[in-house]
Protein backbone atom coordinates (compact mmCIF):
# COMPACT_ATOMS: atom_id res chain seq x y z
CA MET A 1 200.37 305.99 62.57
CA ARG A 2 203.14 307.60 60.93
CA ALA A 3 205.85 309.27 63.08
CA ARG A 4 205.44 312.58 61.22
CA ASN A 5 201.63 312.44 61.75
CA ALA A 6 202.24 311.59 65.55
CA ILE A 7 204.61 314.53 65.78
CA ALA A 8 202.02 316.83 64.02
CA LEU A 9 199.16 315.57 66.46
CA PHE A 10 201.53 316.24 69.45
CA PHE A 11 202.27 319.81 68.51
CA LEU A 12 198.70 320.73 67.45
CA THR A 13 197.02 319.22 70.62
CA THR A 14 199.75 320.80 72.88
CA ILE A 15 199.49 324.31 71.41
CA LEU A 16 195.85 324.50 70.92
CA GLY A 17 195.21 323.11 74.44
CA GLY A 18 197.58 325.60 75.78
CA ILE A 19 195.85 328.23 73.98
CA GLY A 20 192.46 327.23 75.04
CA GLY A 21 193.50 326.83 78.70
CA VAL A 22 195.00 330.49 78.59
CA GLY A 23 192.10 332.16 76.80
CA GLY A 24 189.50 330.26 78.96
CA SER A 25 191.23 331.71 81.93
CA MET A 26 191.16 335.20 80.71
CA LEU A 27 187.42 334.74 80.03
CA GLY A 28 186.84 332.92 83.09
CA HIS A 29 188.78 335.56 85.29
CA ALA A 30 185.64 338.00 85.00
CA PHE A 31 183.81 335.49 87.30
CA GLY A 32 186.44 335.39 89.94
CA GLN A 33 189.01 332.77 91.19
CA ALA A 34 186.70 329.74 90.59
CA GLY A 35 185.67 331.17 86.88
CA LEU A 36 189.31 331.59 86.27
CA PHE A 37 190.07 327.64 86.98
CA ALA A 38 186.87 326.70 85.21
CA GLY A 39 187.43 328.87 82.36
CA GLY A 40 190.93 327.44 81.93
CA ILE A 41 189.75 323.86 82.10
CA ILE A 42 186.81 324.17 79.94
CA GLY A 43 188.74 326.22 77.06
CA GLY A 44 191.67 323.77 77.07
CA LEU A 45 189.34 320.68 76.88
CA VAL A 46 187.28 322.12 74.00
CA LEU A 47 190.50 323.22 71.91
CA ALA A 48 192.14 320.11 72.61
CA ALA A 49 189.22 318.26 71.30
CA THR A 50 189.21 320.63 68.40
CA ALA A 51 192.67 319.80 67.66
CA ALA A 52 191.85 316.10 67.53
CA LYS A 53 188.90 316.78 65.07
CA LEU A 54 191.36 318.80 62.91
CA ALA A 55 193.90 315.74 63.08
CA ALA A 56 191.02 313.47 61.69
CA VAL A 57 190.36 316.11 58.85
CA PHE A 58 193.78 316.26 57.84
CA ASN A 59 194.07 312.48 57.92
CA TRP A 60 196.89 312.36 60.72
CA ILE A 61 194.71 310.01 62.59
CA PRO A 62 192.09 307.40 61.26
CA ARG A 63 188.38 308.79 61.86
CA GLU A 64 187.75 305.74 64.09
CA ALA A 65 190.34 306.94 66.32
CA PHE A 66 188.95 310.26 67.21
CA ALA A 67 187.23 309.34 70.33
CA ARG A 68 190.31 307.75 71.97
CA THR A 69 192.49 310.58 70.78
CA VAL A 70 190.04 313.16 72.44
CA LEU A 71 189.95 311.15 75.70
CA GLY A 72 193.82 310.87 75.74
CA ALA A 73 194.16 314.61 75.17
CA ALA A 74 191.63 315.15 77.76
CA ILE A 75 193.28 313.19 80.32
CA GLY A 76 196.64 314.72 79.48
CA PHE A 77 195.15 318.17 79.69
CA ILE A 78 193.75 317.51 83.28
CA ALA A 79 197.01 316.00 84.33
CA GLY A 80 199.01 318.69 82.93
CA ALA A 81 196.65 321.44 84.46
CA ALA A 82 197.14 319.76 87.86
CA ILE A 83 200.67 319.83 87.62
CA ALA A 84 200.81 323.46 86.31
CA VAL A 85 198.50 324.73 89.25
CA ASN A 86 200.86 323.13 91.73
CA THR A 87 204.03 324.57 90.41
CA LEU A 88 203.12 328.13 89.34
CA SER A 89 206.31 329.43 91.09
CA SER A 90 208.39 327.78 88.51
CA PRO A 91 208.07 328.17 84.66
CA VAL A 92 209.34 324.65 84.17
CA GLY A 93 206.31 322.85 85.69
CA PRO A 94 203.62 324.67 83.75
CA PHE A 95 205.67 324.14 80.64
CA LEU A 96 206.17 320.57 81.09
CA GLY A 97 202.52 320.05 82.35
CA SER A 98 201.51 321.54 79.01
CA LEU A 99 203.21 318.71 77.00
CA LEU A 100 200.84 316.26 78.69
CA THR A 101 197.96 317.16 76.57
CA GLY A 102 199.94 316.24 73.18
CA VAL A 103 201.18 312.91 74.80
CA GLY A 104 197.94 311.87 75.86
CA ALA A 105 196.47 312.54 72.42
CA VAL A 106 199.24 310.64 70.71
CA LEU A 107 198.87 307.58 73.21
CA GLY A 108 195.07 307.59 72.68
CA ALA A 109 195.47 307.67 68.85
CA ARG A 110 197.98 304.84 68.97
CA SER A 111 195.78 302.84 71.47
CA HIS A 112 193.26 302.63 68.68
CA ILE A 113 195.75 301.22 66.13
CA GLN A 114 197.07 298.84 68.31
CA GLY A 115 193.67 297.67 69.45
CA PRO A 116 192.57 295.43 72.41
CA ARG A 117 195.01 292.74 73.51
CA SER A 118 193.97 289.13 74.39
CA ASN A 119 195.55 287.44 77.42
CA THR A 120 194.23 283.95 76.30
CA ARG A 121 196.56 281.30 75.47
CA ALA A 122 196.26 278.39 73.35
CA MET A 123 196.17 275.12 74.96
């Protein structure tokens, strides 16, 4: 993966994951506190996956890396959401937490490119 594509993937998944989290929270708020959190999580996960699909369409990632990119973005979003919820009193925590979606997507895409590593040694 070229550095330019990794940067584009990072920003796309970070921005769309954040928009999904905020939009889902707004929609879920109609169903109370639990709906607010559930809507935020669902919205963020859906748009993070959409960002990975767009990255595959734009050829920023190989199509074979799509599943790992989605998984990485999802793990990053969940971790970022946990950080954001626990640091709402400061603007720094939610901001830094939102960056984890992009980091997870890039790591997921790169894990596909590197492939599995063997621990066996020739004797």
